Amino acid sequence: MDPVNGNQDSNRMRRPAGPGGTPGTALLEVTGAACAAVSRTAEDTGDGRQAGAQGIFSGVSFSLHAGEVMDLAGPSGSGKSSLLTCIAQLNPRAWATLRLEGRDSSTFSFQEWRHLVAYLPQKSLLPGDTVADAIRLPYTFAASRRATAPTDDDIRVALDAVGLGDIELGRDPHDLSGGQSARVSMLRTMLTHPKVVLADEVDAGLDDDSSAIVARYMVRMAHQSGMAMIRVRHRPPDGLADVKAVLSGGTLTVEGGAHTPASDFPTGVVGGAADADDAPETPRFSEEGA
């Protein structure tokens, strides 16, 4: 049932397999996602919903498998960013039934969900005295404290892989350009190895060459490590996504797509990982203190 307009959920999309074509349990399941526009006259129900509010989108359902990359397109104002923040549980005007590896989102702490389902905005802050400190920042949080932070060598290889070979680890992150900051912020998220990455126009401030390098890094890392990824982009299709979805008029449709196999990427693009066996292992966390 559509929680905004009360209509039956006719906008359901299920993909039976990941990039390899092998059926399996979805990594991320989104059911009945909806987002209401802010209204000064609608009645607040107290749970983020507003009775009588106009819906931006509703009844959006889909699933992603491990290693699957979806490009999310649509006209400006269609709710692409709102859908990402809904999945990240950062949007008080949106709601959905969410499951990660078959486990309902309600069984995760907020900190656990934020770590495992990482929202990567177009712009973000880089606190810390050095670039290395900024990248290791997530490992100071409770949900990541028991994981192993990336070493200086890990960070160096990752910076080199996204065209930041001239950035020293000891450099003040506040001195970086906008494009450099965007790439460091992206690496900070990717190097925590979340299960799902929600990338919201992370290449918007980059030139075409840098954007292509970042796209190939992120997609290869997803394919190698089994990370699911949704990319919102306003650039021409790069052929790297496994599936293309369009959010328009409040509904989600899937147009399909083909991706470049992981084996076709240059070796070493993911922090020096030459193949799937060399991809970094996803950290395991204790729920204690999360």
Protein backbone atom coordinates (compact mmCIF):
# COMPACT_ATOMS: atom_id res chain seq x y z
CA MET A 1 0.00 0.00 0.00
CA ASP A 2 1.24 3.48 -0.91
CA PRO A 3 1.72 5.25 2.47
CA VAL A 4 1.39 8.72 0.93
CA ASN A 5 -1.60 8.43 -1.37
CA GLY A 6 -3.11 5.13 -0.26
CA ASN A 7 -2.63 3.46 -3.64
CA GLN A 8 -1.54 -0.10 -4.18
CA ASP A 9 2.21 -0.51 -4.62
CA SER A 10 2.47 -1.07 -8.36
CA ASN A 11 6.02 0.19 -8.65
CA ARG A 12 7.95 -2.83 -7.39
CA MET A 13 11.24 -3.85 -8.91
CA ARG A 14 13.08 -7.04 -8.02
CA ARG A 15 16.32 -8.10 -9.62
CA PRO A 16 16.81 -11.86 -9.42
CA ALA A 17 20.58 -11.87 -9.61
CA GLY A 18 23.72 -9.83 -9.21
CA PRO A 19 26.28 -8.92 -11.90
CA GLY A 20 27.33 -12.53 -12.30
CA GLY A 21 23.78 -13.64 -13.05
CA THR A 22 23.64 -16.07 -10.13
CA PRO A 23 20.37 -15.98 -8.19
CA GLY A 24 20.71 -15.27 -4.51
CA THR A 25 19.45 -13.34 -1.55
CA ALA A 26 19.45 -9.60 -2.07
CA LEU A 27 21.95 -7.60 -0.05
CA LEU A 28 19.67 -4.56 0.22
CA GLU A 29 15.88 -4.63 -0.02
CA VAL A 30 13.82 -1.44 -0.16
CA THR A 31 10.05 -1.81 0.06
CA GLY A 32 7.38 0.89 -0.17
CA ALA A 33 9.74 3.86 0.04
CA ALA A 34 7.90 7.19 0.13
CA CYS A 35 8.76 10.81 0.75
CA ALA A 36 6.38 13.67 1.49
CA ALA A 37 7.08 17.26 0.56
CA VAL A 38 7.23 19.73 3.43
CA SER A 39 3.80 21.28 3.90
CA ARG A 40 2.82 24.13 6.17
CA THR A 41 -0.82 23.03 6.20
CA ALA A 42 -0.60 19.24 6.39
CA GLU A 43 -1.04 17.63 9.79
CA ASP A 44 2.07 16.10 11.31
CA THR A 45 1.41 12.49 12.37
CA GLY A 46 4.49 12.40 14.60
CA ASP A 47 6.36 9.69 12.69
CA GLY A 48 7.80 11.80 9.89
CA ARG A 49 4.63 11.55 7.82
CA GLN A 50 2.11 14.27 7.18
CA ALA A 51 -1.55 13.60 6.63
CA GLY A 52 -2.57 15.25 3.39
CA ALA A 53 0.99 16.10 2.32
CA GLN A 54 1.93 15.94 -1.35
CA GLY A 55 4.18 12.98 -2.07
CA ILE A 56 7.51 13.41 -3.88
CA PHE A 57 7.60 9.67 -4.55
CA SER A 58 5.80 6.66 -3.16
CA GLY A 59 5.62 2.89 -3.42
CA VAL A 60 9.24 2.62 -4.52
CA SER A 61 10.58 -0.91 -4.08
CA PHE A 62 13.72 -2.57 -5.38
CA SER A 63 16.60 -4.77 -4.33
CA LEU A 64 20.33 -4.85 -4.95
CA HIS A 65 22.68 -7.79 -4.75
CA ALA A 66 26.26 -7.84 -3.54
CA GLY A 67 28.56 -6.19 -6.05
CA GLU A 68 25.71 -4.60 -7.98
CA VAL A 69 25.88 -0.96 -9.07
CA MET A 70 22.74 1.00 -9.92
CA ASP A 71 22.70 4.39 -11.62
CA LEU A 72 19.73 6.46 -10.44
CA ALA A 73 18.64 9.11 -12.93
CA GLY A 74 15.67 11.45 -13.17
CA PRO A 75 14.72 15.08 -13.62
CA SER A 76 15.73 17.71 -11.08
CA GLY A 77 13.40 17.65 -8.09
CA SER A 78 12.21 14.08 -8.69
CA GLY A 79 13.53 12.92 -5.30
CA LYS A 80 16.76 11.13 -6.14
CA SER A 81 18.66 12.56 -3.17
CA SER A 82 15.58 12.09 -0.99
CA LEU A 83 15.50 8.39 -1.89
CA LEU A 84 19.16 8.00 -0.94
CA THR A 85 18.67 9.76 2.39
CA CYS A 86 15.55 7.64 2.96
CA ILE A 87 17.61 4.47 2.57
CA ALA A 88 20.31 5.95 4.82
CA GLN A 89 17.60 6.75 7.41
CA LEU A 90 18.60 10.40 7.41
CA ASN A 91 15.37 11.86 6.02
CA PRO A 92 12.60 12.66 8.52
CA ARG A 93 10.11 13.15 5.64
CA ALA A 94 10.71 9.71 4.15
CA TRP A 95 10.03 6.15 5.22
CA ALA A 96 10.45 2.62 3.90
CA THR A 97 10.83 -0.98 4.98
CA LEU A 98 14.54 -1.70 4.70
CA ARG A 99 16.39 -4.97 4.99
CA LEU A 100 20.13 -5.59 4.86
CA GLU A 101 21.20 -9.19 4.23
CA GLY A 102 17.69 -10.26 5.21
CA ARG A 103 17.77 -8.36 8.51
CA ASP A 104 15.25 -5.59 9.16
CA SER A 105 16.70 -2.12 9.67
CA SER A 106 14.88 -1.83 13.00
CA THR A 107 17.24 -4.42 14.47
CA PHE A 108 20.31 -2.25 13.80
CA SER A 109 21.40 0.65 15.94
CA PHE A 110 21.53 3.98 14.15
CA GLN A 111 25.33 3.92 14.31
CA GLU A 112 25.49 0.40 12.83
CA TRP A 113 23.18 1.33 9.96
CA ARG A 114 25.15 4.50 9.22
CA HIS A 115 28.34 2.47 8.99
CA LEU A 116 26.96 -0.41 6.91
CA VAL A 117 24.76 1.75 4.66
CA ALA A 118 26.93 4.77 3.97
CA TYR A 119 25.54 7.98 2.49
CA LEU A 120 28.16 9.87 0.50
CA PRO A 121 27.04 13.45 -0.16
CA GLN A 122 28.27 15.79 -2.86
CA LYS A 123 30.01 17.94 -0.24
CA SER A 124 31.16 17.01 3.24
CA LEU A 125 33.50 18.27 5.93
CA LEU A 126 37.01 16.95 6.46
CA PRO A 127 37.80 17.46 10.15
CA GLY A 128 41.29 16.60 11.30
CA ASP A 129 44.78 18.06 11.30
CA THR A 130 45.98 15.99 8.34
CA VAL A 131 44.54 14.18 5.34
CA ALA A 132 45.36 10.87 7.02
CA ASP A 133 43.48 11.96 10.16
CA ALA A 134 40.48 12.97 8.07
CA ILE A 135 40.35 9.59 6.33
CA ARG A 136 40.69 7.69 9.60
CA LEU A 137 38.00 9.75 11.34
CA PRO A 138 35.26 7.05 11.08
CA TYR A 139 37.44 4.66 13.06
CA THR A 140 37.14 6.91 16.10
CA PHE A 141 33.38 6.26 16.21
CA ALA A 142 31.90 3.52 18.35
CA ALA A 143 30.54 1.47 15.43
CA SER A 144 34.01 1.26 13.83
CA ARG A 145 36.28 1.34 16.86
CA ARG A 146 36.89 -2.42 16.79
CA ALA A 147 37.84 -2.44 13.11
CA THR A 148 41.36 -1.95 11.80
CA ALA A 149 41.95 1.53 10.42
CA PRO A 150 43.75 1.87 7.08
CA THR A 151 47.51 2.15 7.32
CA ASP A 152 49.51 4.98 5.80
CA ASP A 153 50.36 2.66 2.91
CA ASP A 154 46.66 1.86 2.36
CA ILE A 155 45.84 5.56 2.25
CA ARG A 156 48.77 6.35 -0.03
CA VAL A 157 47.74 3.71 -2.56
CA ALA A 158 44.11 4.87 -2.47
CA LEU A 159 45.06 8.52 -2.99
CA ASP A 160 47.27 7.57 -5.91
CA ALA A 161 44.43 5.50 -7.44
CA VAL A 162 42.10 8.51 -7.68
CA GLY A 163 44.62 10.97 -9.08
CA LEU A 164 45.82 12.46 -5.80
CA GLY A 165 49.41 11.32 -5.99
CA ASP A 166 50.60 14.83 -5.16
CA ILE A 167 48.68 15.02 -1.88
CA GLU A 168 50.82 14.22 1.15
CA LEU A 169 49.22 12.36 4.07
CA GLY A 170 50.36 15.10 6.43
CA ARG A 171 48.77 17.91 4.47
CA ASP A 172 46.12 20.07 6.15
CA PRO A 173 42.78 18.96 4.62
CA HIS A 174 41.51 22.55 4.83
CA ASP A 175 44.07 23.50 2.18
CA LEU A 176 42.64 21.11 -0.42
CA SER A 177 40.72 22.31 -3.45
CA GLY A 178 37.06 21.42 -3.85
CA GLY A 179 37.81 18.55 -6.21
CA GLN A 180 40.57 17.21 -3.98
CA SER A 181 38.33 17.41 -0.92
CA ALA A 182 35.57 15.52 -2.74
CA ARG A 183 37.93 12.67 -3.57
CA VAL A 184 39.37 12.48 -0.06
CA SER A 185 35.84 12.43 1.37
CA MET A 186 34.91 9.62 -1.01
CA LEU A 187 37.97 7.61 0.03
CA ARG A 188 37.14 8.15 3.71
CA THR A 189 33.82 6.38 3.12
CA MET A 190 35.02 3.69 0.74
CA LEU A 191 37.92 2.66 2.99
CA THR A 192 35.48 1.79 5.79
CA HIS A 193 34.14 -0.92 3.43
CA PRO A 194 30.40 -0.46 4.00
CA LYS A 195 27.92 -3.02 2.66
CA VAL A 196 26.06 -0.34 0.69
CA VAL A 197 27.23 3.03 -0.66
CA LEU A 198 24.72 5.74 -1.57
CA ALA A 199 26.73 8.13 -3.75
CA ASP A 200 24.97 11.45 -4.30
CA GLU A 201 26.69 13.27 -7.18
CA VAL A 202 30.13 12.81 -5.65
CA ASP A 203 31.73 13.71 -8.99
CA ALA A 204 29.77 16.93 -9.52
CA GLY A 205 32.75 19.20 -8.82
CA LEU A 206 35.28 17.18 -10.79
CA ASP A 207 36.57 17.59 -14.34
CA ASP A 208 35.76 14.84 -16.81
CA ASP A 209 39.06 12.99 -16.42
CA SER A 210 38.96 13.01 -12.61
CA SER A 211 35.30 11.98 -12.66
CA ALA A 212 36.12 8.97 -14.84
CA ILE A 213 38.96 7.92 -12.52
CA VAL A 214 36.71 8.16 -9.45
CA ALA A 215 33.89 6.27 -11.16
CA ARG A 216 36.15 3.39 -12.13
CA TYR A 217 37.68 3.23 -8.66
CA MET A 218 34.30 3.09 -6.94
CA VAL A 219 32.72 0.58 -9.32
CA ARG A 220 35.68 -1.74 -9.29
CA MET A 221 35.75 -1.66 -5.50
CA ALA A 222 32.04 -2.52 -5.44
CA HIS A 223 32.47 -5.42 -7.85
CA GLN A 224 35.53 -6.78 -6.08
CA SER A 225 34.39 -6.47 -2.48
CA GLY A 226 30.69 -7.29 -2.94
CA MET A 227 29.54 -3.80 -2.05
CA ALA A 228 26.17 -2.66 -3.43
CA MET A 229 26.12 0.89 -4.76
CA ILE A 230 23.60 3.46 -5.94
CA ARG A 231 25.01 6.37 -7.92
CA VAL A 232 23.17 9.61 -8.60
CA ARG A 233 24.94 11.30 -11.52
CA HIS A 234 24.20 14.12 -13.94
CA ARG A 235 26.85 13.12 -16.43
CA PRO A 236 26.39 11.03 -19.59
CA PRO A 237 26.23 7.28 -18.86
CA ASP A 238 29.70 5.79 -18.44
CA GLY A 239 28.69 2.17 -19.07
CA LEU A 240 29.91 1.03 -15.65
CA ALA A 241 26.56 0.43 -13.92
CA ASP A 242 24.87 -2.96 -13.83
CA VAL A 243 21.41 -1.43 -13.99
CA LYS A 244 19.90 1.98 -14.63
CA ALA A 245 16.82 3.20 -12.77
CA VAL A 246 14.84 6.38 -13.42
CA LEU A 247 12.86 8.19 -10.73
CA SER A 248 10.26 10.42 -12.34
CA GLY A 249 6.70 11.42 -11.56
CA GLY A 250 6.92 9.79 -8.14
CA THR A 251 7.68 6.29 -9.44
CA LEU A 252 10.80 4.24 -10.14
CA THR A 253 11.33 2.38 -13.40
CA VAL A 254 14.27 0.27 -14.49
CA GLU A 255 15.79 0.57 -17.94
CA GLY A 256 18.45 -2.07 -17.51
CA GLY A 257 22.05 -1.66 -18.57
CA ALA A 258 25.36 -3.34 -19.08
CA HIS A 259 28.51 -2.87 -17.06
CA THR A 260 32.19 -3.18 -17.78
CA PRO A 261 33.37 -6.46 -16.19
CA ALA A 262 35.72 -6.02 -13.25
CA SER A 263 38.42 -7.84 -15.21
CA ASP A 264 38.39 -5.04 -17.80
CA PHE A 265 39.52 -2.40 -15.31
CA PRO A 266 43.21 -1.54 -14.99
CA THR A 267 44.86 -3.48 -12.19
CA GLY A 268 45.64 -1.58 -9.03
CA VAL A 269 42.73 0.85 -9.31
CA VAL A 270 41.31 -0.23 -5.97
CA GLY A 271 44.00 0.57 -3.50
CA GLY A 272 46.39 -1.78 -5.27
CA ALA A 273 43.99 -4.77 -5.41
CA ALA A 274 44.67 -6.55 -8.68
CA ASP A 275 41.78 -8.99 -8.51
CA ALA A 276 38.88 -10.04 -6.33
CA ASP A 277 41.05 -12.26 -4.15
CA ASP A 278 43.16 -9.22 -3.25
CA ALA A 279 40.20 -6.98 -2.41
CA PRO A 280 40.15 -5.70 1.17
CA GLU A 281 38.13 -7.76 3.58
CA THR A 282 35.02 -6.14 4.98
CA PRO A 283 35.60 -5.36 8.68
CA ARG A 284 33.60 -7.32 11.23
CA PHE A 285 32.20 -5.49 14.20
CA SER A 286 31.01 -6.40 17.63
CA GLU A 287 27.61 -4.98 18.48
CA GLU A 288 28.94 -4.09 21.89
CA GLY A 289 29.40 -0.37 22.14
CA ALA A 290 28.00 0.27 18.67
